[in-house]
Full PDB file with SEQRES, HELIX, SHEET, SSBOND, CRYST1, ORIGX, SCALE, CONECT and MASTER records, all heavy atoms in Angstrom:
SEQRES   1 A   32  ASN ALA GLN GLN VAL GLU SER GLN ALA LEU ARG GLN GLU          
SEQRES   2 A   32  ILE ASP ARG SER ASP ARG GLU ASN ALA ALA ALA LEU ALA          
SEQRES   3 A   32  GLN LEU THR GLU ARG VAL                                      
HELIX    1 AA1 ALA A    2  ARG A   31  1                                  30    
CRYST1    1.000    1.000    1.000  90.00  90.00  90.00 P 1           1          
ORIGX1      1.000000  0.000000  0.000000        0.00000                         
ORIGX2      0.000000  1.000000  0.000000        0.00000                         
ORIGX3      0.000000  0.000000  1.000000        0.00000                         
SCALE1      1.000000  0.000000  0.000000        0.00000                         
SCALE2      0.000000  1.000000  0.000000        0.00000                         
SCALE3      0.000000  0.000000  1.000000        0.00000                         
ATOM      1  N   ASN A   1       4.944  22.817   5.411  1.00  0.00           N  
ATOM      2  CA  ASN A   1       5.861  21.757   5.849  1.00  0.00           C  
ATOM      3  C   ASN A   1       5.096  20.611   6.499  1.00  0.00           C  
ATOM      4  O   ASN A   1       5.367  19.437   6.225  1.00  0.00           O  
ATOM      5  CB  ASN A   1       6.905  22.313   6.811  1.00  0.00           C  
ATOM      6  CG  ASN A   1       7.897  23.238   6.123  1.00  0.00           C  
ATOM      7  OD1 ASN A   1       8.034  23.220   4.910  1.00  0.00           O  
ATOM      8  ND2 ASN A   1       8.573  24.053   6.903  1.00  0.00           N  
ATOM      9  N   ALA A   2       4.138  20.946   7.358  1.00  0.00           N  
ATOM     10  CA  ALA A   2       3.335  19.910   8.013  1.00  0.00           C  
ATOM     11  C   ALA A   2       2.541  19.121   6.981  1.00  0.00           C  
ATOM     12  O   ALA A   2       2.435  17.892   7.066  1.00  0.00           O  
ATOM     13  CB  ALA A   2       2.401  20.543   9.043  1.00  0.00           C  
ATOM     14  N   GLN A   3       2.000  19.813   5.999  1.00  0.00           N  
ATOM     15  CA  GLN A   3       1.220  19.149   4.955  1.00  0.00           C  
ATOM     16  C   GLN A   3       2.111  18.234   4.119  1.00  0.00           C  
ATOM     17  O   GLN A   3       1.704  17.133   3.737  1.00  0.00           O  
ATOM     18  CB  GLN A   3       0.546  20.190   4.075  1.00  0.00           C  
ATOM     19  CG  GLN A   3      -0.471  19.619   3.113  1.00  0.00           C  
ATOM     20  CD  GLN A   3      -1.200  20.704   2.350  1.00  0.00           C  
ATOM     21  OE1 GLN A   3      -0.584  21.667   1.915  1.00  0.00           O  
ATOM     22  NE2 GLN A   3      -2.498  20.550   2.196  1.00  0.00           N  
ATOM     23  N   GLN A   4       3.334  18.674   3.836  1.00  0.00           N  
ATOM     24  CA  GLN A   4       4.250  17.845   3.062  1.00  0.00           C  
ATOM     25  C   GLN A   4       4.631  16.582   3.838  1.00  0.00           C  
ATOM     26  O   GLN A   4       4.723  15.497   3.255  1.00  0.00           O  
ATOM     27  CB  GLN A   4       5.496  18.642   2.680  1.00  0.00           C  
ATOM     28  CG  GLN A   4       5.229  19.672   1.602  1.00  0.00           C  
ATOM     29  CD  GLN A   4       6.412  20.583   1.337  1.00  0.00           C  
ATOM     30  OE1 GLN A   4       7.246  20.813   2.205  1.00  0.00           O  
ATOM     31  NE2 GLN A   4       6.475  21.120   0.126  1.00  0.00           N  
ATOM     32  N   VAL A   5       4.834  16.724   5.142  1.00  0.00           N  
ATOM     33  CA  VAL A   5       5.148  15.557   5.976  1.00  0.00           C  
ATOM     34  C   VAL A   5       3.968  14.590   5.969  1.00  0.00           C  
ATOM     35  O   VAL A   5       4.135  13.371   5.812  1.00  0.00           O  
ATOM     36  CB  VAL A   5       5.496  15.997   7.419  1.00  0.00           C  
ATOM     37  CG1 VAL A   5       5.511  14.820   8.374  1.00  0.00           C  
ATOM     38  CG2 VAL A   5       6.837  16.721   7.442  1.00  0.00           C  
ATOM     39  N   GLU A   6       2.762  15.131   6.109  1.00  0.00           N  
ATOM     40  CA  GLU A   6       1.567  14.289   6.095  1.00  0.00           C  
ATOM     41  C   GLU A   6       1.385  13.616   4.737  1.00  0.00           C  
ATOM     42  O   GLU A   6       1.048  12.424   4.665  1.00  0.00           O  
ATOM     43  CB  GLU A   6       0.324  15.117   6.439  1.00  0.00           C  
ATOM     44  CG  GLU A   6      -0.933  14.301   6.524  1.00  0.00           C  
ATOM     45  CD  GLU A   6      -2.155  15.128   6.910  1.00  0.00           C  
ATOM     46  OE1 GLU A   6      -2.003  16.283   7.318  1.00  0.00           O  
ATOM     47  OE2 GLU A   6      -3.263  14.604   6.779  1.00  0.00           O  
ATOM     48  N   SER A   7       1.624  14.356   3.670  1.00  0.00           N  
ATOM     49  CA  SER A   7       1.498  13.779   2.324  1.00  0.00           C  
ATOM     50  C   SER A   7       2.492  12.643   2.131  1.00  0.00           C  
ATOM     51  O   SER A   7       2.151  11.608   1.549  1.00  0.00           O  
ATOM     52  CB  SER A   7       1.732  14.857   1.260  1.00  0.00           C  
ATOM     53  OG  SER A   7       0.689  15.799   1.277  1.00  0.00           O  
ATOM     54  N   GLN A   8       3.711  12.839   2.604  1.00  0.00           N  
ATOM     55  CA  GLN A   8       4.726  11.782   2.488  1.00  0.00           C  
ATOM     56  C   GLN A   8       4.295  10.547   3.272  1.00  0.00           C  
ATOM     57  O   GLN A   8       4.429   9.419   2.789  1.00  0.00           O  
ATOM     58  CB  GLN A   8       6.085  12.294   2.993  1.00  0.00           C  
ATOM     59  CG  GLN A   8       7.188  11.257   2.911  1.00  0.00           C  
ATOM     60  CD  GLN A   8       7.488  10.807   1.492  1.00  0.00           C  
ATOM     61  OE1 GLN A   8       7.309  11.549   0.544  1.00  0.00           O  
ATOM     62  NE2 GLN A   8       7.939   9.578   1.358  1.00  0.00           N  
ATOM     63  N   ALA A   9       3.763  10.760   4.468  1.00  0.00           N  
ATOM     64  CA  ALA A   9       3.296   9.626   5.275  1.00  0.00           C  
ATOM     65  C   ALA A   9       2.151   8.903   4.575  1.00  0.00           C  
ATOM     66  O   ALA A   9       2.094   7.662   4.565  1.00  0.00           O  
ATOM     67  CB  ALA A   9       2.853  10.117   6.654  1.00  0.00           C  
ATOM     68  N   LEU A  10       1.250   9.660   3.955  1.00  0.00           N  
ATOM     69  CA  LEU A  10       0.139   9.041   3.226  1.00  0.00           C  
ATOM     70  C   LEU A  10       0.636   8.262   2.011  1.00  0.00           C  
ATOM     71  O   LEU A  10       0.151   7.168   1.728  1.00  0.00           O  
ATOM     72  CB  LEU A  10      -0.876  10.102   2.804  1.00  0.00           C  
ATOM     73  CG  LEU A  10      -1.715  10.703   3.927  1.00  0.00           C  
ATOM     74  CD1 LEU A  10      -2.546  11.874   3.410  1.00  0.00           C  
ATOM     75  CD2 LEU A  10      -2.605   9.662   4.567  1.00  0.00           C  
ATOM     76  N   ARG A  11       1.613   8.828   1.301  1.00  0.00           N  
ATOM     77  CA  ARG A  11       2.180   8.114   0.147  1.00  0.00           C  
ATOM     78  C   ARG A  11       2.821   6.799   0.592  1.00  0.00           C  
ATOM     79  O   ARG A  11       2.660   5.762  -0.065  1.00  0.00           O  
ATOM     80  CB  ARG A  11       3.216   8.978  -0.570  1.00  0.00           C  
ATOM     81  CG  ARG A  11       2.613  10.009  -1.519  1.00  0.00           C  
ATOM     82  CD  ARG A  11       3.667  10.629  -2.420  1.00  0.00           C  
ATOM     83  NE  ARG A  11       4.616  11.448  -1.705  1.00  0.00           N  
ATOM     84  CZ  ARG A  11       4.439  12.736  -1.397  1.00  0.00           C  
ATOM     85  NH1 ARG A  11       3.327  13.345  -1.758  1.00  0.00           N  
ATOM     86  NH2 ARG A  11       5.358  13.399  -0.740  1.00  0.00           N  
ATOM     87  N   GLN A  12       3.525   6.849   1.717  1.00  0.00           N  
ATOM     88  CA  GLN A  12       4.142   5.627   2.231  1.00  0.00           C  
ATOM     89  C   GLN A  12       3.078   4.609   2.626  1.00  0.00           C  
ATOM     90  O   GLN A  12       3.232   3.411   2.373  1.00  0.00           O  
ATOM     91  CB  GLN A  12       5.046   5.949   3.418  1.00  0.00           C  
ATOM     92  CG  GLN A  12       6.306   6.696   3.026  1.00  0.00           C  
ATOM     93  CD  GLN A  12       7.111   7.168   4.218  1.00  0.00           C  
ATOM     94  OE1 GLN A  12       6.667   7.100   5.364  1.00  0.00           O  
ATOM     95  NE2 GLN A  12       8.312   7.667   3.962  1.00  0.00           N  
ATOM     96  N   GLU A  13       2.002   5.084   3.234  1.00  0.00           N  
ATOM     97  CA  GLU A  13       0.911   4.191   3.630  1.00  0.00           C  
ATOM     98  C   GLU A  13       0.241   3.582   2.397  1.00  0.00           C  
ATOM     99  O   GLU A  13      -0.082   2.389   2.375  1.00  0.00           O  
ATOM    100  CB  GLU A  13      -0.116   4.951   4.470  1.00  0.00           C  
ATOM    101  CG  GLU A  13      -1.317   4.147   4.882  1.00  0.00           C  
ATOM    102  CD  GLU A  13      -0.986   2.961   5.784  1.00  0.00           C  
ATOM    103  OE1 GLU A  13       0.064   2.971   6.455  1.00  0.00           O  
ATOM    104  OE2 GLU A  13      -1.790   2.004   5.813  1.00  0.00           O  
ATOM    105  N   ILE A  14       0.059   4.387   1.360  1.00  0.00           N  
ATOM    106  CA  ILE A  14      -0.537   3.875   0.113  1.00  0.00           C  
ATOM    107  C   ILE A  14       0.388   2.839  -0.515  1.00  0.00           C  
ATOM    108  O   ILE A  14      -0.079   1.782  -0.967  1.00  0.00           O  
ATOM    109  CB  ILE A  14      -0.834   5.037  -0.869  1.00  0.00           C  
ATOM    110  CG1 ILE A  14      -2.019   5.850  -0.354  1.00  0.00           C  
ATOM    111  CG2 ILE A  14      -1.096   4.519  -2.275  1.00  0.00           C  
ATOM    112  CD1 ILE A  14      -2.246   7.153  -1.096  1.00  0.00           C  
ATOM    113  N   ASP A  15       1.690   3.115  -0.528  1.00  0.00           N  
ATOM    114  CA  ASP A  15       2.645   2.148  -1.090  1.00  0.00           C  
ATOM    115  C   ASP A  15       2.593   0.836  -0.308  1.00  0.00           C  
ATOM    116  O   ASP A  15       2.587  -0.247  -0.905  1.00  0.00           O  
ATOM    117  CB  ASP A  15       4.067   2.705  -1.053  1.00  0.00           C  
ATOM    118  CG  ASP A  15       4.292   3.825  -2.064  1.00  0.00           C  
ATOM    119  OD1 ASP A  15       3.446   3.978  -2.976  1.00  0.00           O  
ATOM    120  OD2 ASP A  15       5.299   4.549  -1.924  1.00  0.00           O  
ATOM    121  N   ARG A  16       2.572   0.924   1.012  1.00  0.00           N  
ATOM    122  CA  ARG A  16       2.505  -0.274   1.847  1.00  0.00           C  
ATOM    123  C   ARG A  16       1.222  -1.040   1.567  1.00  0.00           C  
ATOM    124  O   ARG A  16       1.221  -2.261   1.383  1.00  0.00           O  
ATOM    125  CB  ARG A  16       2.575   0.096   3.328  1.00  0.00           C  
ATOM    126  CG  ARG A  16       2.586  -1.112   4.261  1.00  0.00           C  
ATOM    127  CD  ARG A  16       2.295  -0.741   5.708  1.00  0.00           C  
ATOM    128  NE  ARG A  16       0.997  -0.117   5.882  1.00  0.00           N  
ATOM    129  CZ  ARG A  16      -0.169  -0.758   5.866  1.00  0.00           C  
ATOM    130  NH1 ARG A  16      -0.211  -2.057   5.678  1.00  0.00           N  
ATOM    131  NH2 ARG A  16      -1.297  -0.109   6.040  1.00  0.00           N  
ATOM    132  N   SER A  17       0.114  -0.301   1.497  1.00  0.00           N  
ATOM    133  CA  SER A  17      -1.188  -0.914   1.231  1.00  0.00           C  
ATOM    134  C   SER A  17      -1.202  -1.577  -0.149  1.00  0.00           C  
ATOM    135  O   SER A  17      -1.729  -2.681  -0.309  1.00  0.00           O  
ATOM    136  CB  SER A  17      -2.283   0.139   1.324  1.00  0.00           C  
ATOM    137  OG  SER A  17      -3.533  -0.398   1.015  1.00  0.00           O  
ATOM    138  N   ASP A  18      -0.605  -0.909  -1.131  1.00  0.00           N  
ATOM    139  CA  ASP A  18      -0.538  -1.486  -2.481  1.00  0.00           C  
ATOM    140  C   ASP A  18       0.250  -2.796  -2.473  1.00  0.00           C  
ATOM    141  O   ASP A  18      -0.143  -3.770  -3.132  1.00  0.00           O  
ATOM    142  CB  ASP A  18       0.108  -0.500  -3.461  1.00  0.00           C  
ATOM    143  CG  ASP A  18      -0.820   0.637  -3.857  1.00  0.00           C  
ATOM    144  OD1 ASP A  18      -2.028   0.576  -3.533  1.00  0.00           O  
ATOM    145  OD2 ASP A  18      -0.325   1.604  -4.487  1.00  0.00           O  
ATOM    146  N   ARG A  19       1.362  -2.816  -1.742  1.00  0.00           N  
ATOM    147  CA  ARG A  19       2.158  -4.049  -1.666  1.00  0.00           C  
ATOM    148  C   ARG A  19       1.361  -5.162  -0.986  1.00  0.00           C  
ATOM    149  O   ARG A  19       1.361  -6.310  -1.446  1.00  0.00           O  
ATOM    150  CB  ARG A  19       3.464  -3.791  -0.907  1.00  0.00           C  
ATOM    151  CG  ARG A  19       4.496  -3.008  -1.709  1.00  0.00           C  
ATOM    152  CD  ARG A  19       5.843  -2.990  -1.021  1.00  0.00           C  
ATOM    153  NE  ARG A  19       5.815  -2.423   0.315  1.00  0.00           N  
ATOM    154  CZ  ARG A  19       5.907  -1.132   0.609  1.00  0.00           C  
ATOM    155  NH1 ARG A  19       6.044  -0.253  -0.368  1.00  0.00           N  
ATOM    156  NH2 ARG A  19       5.880  -0.714   1.849  1.00  0.00           N  
ATOM    157  N   GLU A  20       0.668  -4.821   0.094  1.00  0.00           N  
ATOM    158  CA  GLU A  20      -0.151  -5.826   0.790  1.00  0.00           C  
ATOM    159  C   GLU A  20      -1.276  -6.333  -0.109  1.00  0.00           C  
ATOM    160  O   GLU A  20      -1.563  -7.539  -0.136  1.00  0.00           O  
ATOM    161  CB  GLU A  20      -0.730  -5.244   2.075  1.00  0.00           C  
ATOM    162  CG  GLU A  20       0.285  -5.060   3.182  1.00  0.00           C  
ATOM    163  CD  GLU A  20      -0.318  -4.435   4.431  1.00  0.00           C  
ATOM    164  OE1 GLU A  20      -1.541  -4.154   4.457  1.00  0.00           O  
ATOM    165  OE2 GLU A  20       0.440  -4.224   5.388  1.00  0.00           O  
ATOM    166  N   ASN A  21      -1.913  -5.421  -0.828  1.00  0.00           N  
ATOM    167  CA  ASN A  21      -2.995  -5.818  -1.731  1.00  0.00           C  
ATOM    168  C   ASN A  21      -2.476  -6.707  -2.858  1.00  0.00           C  
ATOM    169  O   ASN A  21      -3.131  -7.678  -3.243  1.00  0.00           O  
ATOM    170  CB  ASN A  21      -3.698  -4.584  -2.303  1.00  0.00           C  
ATOM    171  CG  ASN A  21      -4.547  -3.870  -1.273  1.00  0.00           C  
ATOM    172  OD1 ASN A  21      -4.912  -4.438  -0.252  1.00  0.00           O  
ATOM    173  ND2 ASN A  21      -4.860  -2.605  -1.524  1.00  0.00           N  
ATOM    174  N   ALA A  22      -1.301  -6.382  -3.378  1.00  0.00           N  
ATOM    175  CA  ALA A  22      -0.719  -7.197  -4.443  1.00  0.00           C  
ATOM    176  C   ALA A  22      -0.420  -8.602  -3.925  1.00  0.00           C  
ATOM    177  O   ALA A  22      -0.677  -9.596  -4.612  1.00  0.00           O  
ATOM    178  CB  ALA A  22       0.548  -6.534  -4.981  1.00  0.00           C  
ATOM    179  N   ALA A  23       0.108  -8.673  -2.702  1.00  0.00           N  
ATOM    180  CA  ALA A  23       0.403  -9.983  -2.116  1.00  0.00           C  
ATOM    181  C   ALA A  23      -0.884 -10.771  -1.882  1.00  0.00           C  
ATOM    182  O   ALA A  23      -0.949 -11.975  -2.161  1.00  0.00           O  
ATOM    183  CB  ALA A  23       1.171  -9.811  -0.806  1.00  0.00           C  
ATOM    184  N   ALA A  24      -1.913 -10.097  -1.380  1.00  0.00           N  
ATOM    185  CA  ALA A  24      -3.196 -10.767  -1.136  1.00  0.00           C  
ATOM    186  C   ALA A  24      -3.810 -11.240  -2.450  1.00  0.00           C  
ATOM    187  O   ALA A  24      -4.367 -12.344  -2.525  1.00  0.00           O  
ATOM    188  CB  ALA A  24      -4.155  -9.826  -0.407  1.00  0.00           C  
ATOM    189  N   LEU A  25      -3.698 -10.425  -3.485  1.00  0.00           N  
ATOM    190  CA  LEU A  25      -4.233 -10.807  -4.794  1.00  0.00           C  
ATOM    191  C   LEU A  25      -3.477 -12.019  -5.349  1.00  0.00           C  
ATOM    192  O   LEU A  25      -4.088 -12.937  -5.909  1.00  0.00           O  
ATOM    193  CB  LEU A  25      -4.149  -9.634  -5.761  1.00  0.00           C  
ATOM    194  CG  LEU A  25      -4.715  -9.861  -7.152  1.00  0.00           C  
ATOM    195  CD1 LEU A  25      -6.187 -10.263  -7.091  1.00  0.00           C  
ATOM    196  CD2 LEU A  25      -4.533  -8.632  -8.004  1.00  0.00           C  
ATOM    197  N   ALA A  26      -2.171 -12.033  -5.162  1.00  0.00           N  
ATOM    198  CA  ALA A  26      -1.375 -13.173  -5.631  1.00  0.00           C  
ATOM    199  C   ALA A  26      -1.802 -14.450  -4.898  1.00  0.00           C  
ATOM    200  O   ALA A  26      -1.962 -15.510  -5.519  1.00  0.00           O  
ATOM    201  CB  ALA A  26       0.108 -12.899  -5.421  1.00  0.00           C  
ATOM    202  N   GLN A  27      -2.009 -14.338  -3.581  1.00  0.00           N  
ATOM    203  CA  GLN A  27      -2.459 -15.505  -2.813  1.00  0.00           C  
ATOM    204  C   GLN A  27      -3.836 -15.965  -3.270  1.00  0.00           C  
ATOM    205  O   GLN A  27      -4.082 -17.169  -3.424  1.00  0.00           O  
ATOM    206  CB  GLN A  27      -2.519 -15.171  -1.311  1.00  0.00           C  
ATOM    207  CG  GLN A  27      -1.188 -15.173  -0.620  1.00  0.00           C  
ATOM    208  CD  GLN A  27      -1.361 -14.916   0.871  1.00  0.00           C  
ATOM    209  OE1 GLN A  27      -2.327 -14.297   1.309  1.00  0.00           O  
ATOM    210  NE2 GLN A  27      -0.402 -15.399   1.653  1.00  0.00           N  
ATOM    211  N   LEU A  28      -4.717 -15.011  -3.484  1.00  0.00           N  
ATOM    212  CA  LEU A  28      -6.063 -15.351  -3.932  1.00  0.00           C  
ATOM    213  C   LEU A  28      -6.021 -16.027  -5.300  1.00  0.00           C  
ATOM    214  O   LEU A  28      -6.715 -17.022  -5.532  1.00  0.00           O  
ATOM    215  CB  LEU A  28      -6.927 -14.090  -3.982  1.00  0.00           C  
ATOM    216  CG  LEU A  28      -8.381 -14.259  -4.382  1.00  0.00           C  
ATOM    217  CD1 LEU A  28      -9.092 -15.233  -3.441  1.00  0.00           C  
ATOM    218  CD2 LEU A  28      -9.083 -12.921  -4.395  1.00  0.00           C  
ATOM    219  N   THR A  29      -5.190 -15.510  -6.184  1.00  0.00           N  
ATOM    220  CA  THR A  29      -5.043 -16.105  -7.510  1.00  0.00           C  
ATOM    221  C   THR A  29      -4.533 -17.548  -7.399  1.00  0.00           C  
ATOM    222  O   THR A  29      -5.034 -18.443  -8.085  1.00  0.00           O  
ATOM    223  CB  THR A  29      -4.087 -15.257  -8.378  1.00  0.00           C  
ATOM    224  OG1 THR A  29      -4.624 -13.943  -8.489  1.00  0.00           O  
ATOM    225  CG2 THR A  29      -3.899 -15.855  -9.755  1.00  0.00           C  
ATOM    226  N   GLU A  30      -3.558 -17.759  -6.522  1.00  0.00           N  
ATOM    227  CA  GLU A  30      -3.049 -19.118  -6.316  1.00  0.00           C  
ATOM    228  C   GLU A  30      -4.150 -20.040  -5.801  1.00  0.00           C  
ATOM    229  O   GLU A  30      -4.265 -21.182  -6.251  1.00  0.00           O  
ATOM    230  CB  GLU A  30      -1.883 -19.099  -5.319  1.00  0.00           C  
ATOM    231  CG  GLU A  30      -0.612 -18.486  -5.863  1.00  0.00           C  
ATOM    232  CD  GLU A  30       0.467 -18.369  -4.787  1.00  0.00           C  
ATOM    233  OE1 GLU A  30       0.331 -18.963  -3.696  1.00  0.00           O  
ATOM    234  OE2 GLU A  30       1.459 -17.667  -5.050  1.00  0.00           O  
ATOM    235  N   ARG A  31      -4.958 -19.558  -4.885  1.00  0.00           N  
ATOM    236  CA  ARG A  31      -6.036 -20.381  -4.329  1.00  0.00           C  
ATOM    237  C   ARG A  31      -7.091 -20.708  -5.387  1.00  0.00           C  
ATOM    238  O   ARG A  31      -7.591 -21.829  -5.459  1.00  0.00           O  
ATOM    239  CB  ARG A  31      -6.687 -19.685  -3.135  1.00  0.00           C  
ATOM    240  CG  ARG A  31      -5.784 -19.636  -1.916  1.00  0.00           C  
ATOM    241  CD  ARG A  31      -6.418 -18.875  -0.797  1.00  0.00           C  
ATOM    242  NE  ARG A  31      -5.514 -18.765   0.344  1.00  0.00           N  
ATOM    243  CZ  ARG A  31      -5.757 -18.035   1.400  1.00  0.00           C  
ATOM    244  NH1 ARG A  31      -6.882 -17.344   1.488  1.00  0.00           N  
ATOM    245  NH2 ARG A  31      -4.878 -17.986   2.382  1.00  0.00           N  
ATOM    246  N   VAL A  32      -7.425 -19.703  -6.192  1.00  0.00           N  
ATOM    247  CA  VAL A  32      -8.402 -19.935  -7.265  1.00  0.00           C  
ATOM    248  C   VAL A  32      -7.846 -20.951  -8.258  1.00  0.00           C  
ATOM    249  O   VAL A  32      -8.565 -21.870  -8.691  1.00  0.00           O  
ATOM    250  CB  VAL A  32      -8.779 -18.602  -7.969  1.00  0.00           C  
ATOM    251  CG1 VAL A  32      -9.550 -18.859  -9.258  1.00  0.00           C  
ATOM    252  CG2 VAL A  32      -9.598 -17.716  -7.027  1.00  0.00           C  
TER     253      VAL A  32                                                      
MASTER        0    0    0    1    0    0    0    6  252    1    0    3          
END                                                                             
């Protein structure tokens, strides 16, 4: 159960990071 909670938190963190990276890439593309 603890591992599943941690895995879910990591998945959420990865999703958040992916969204931030996509936004940063879009900004970088606009600047280029």
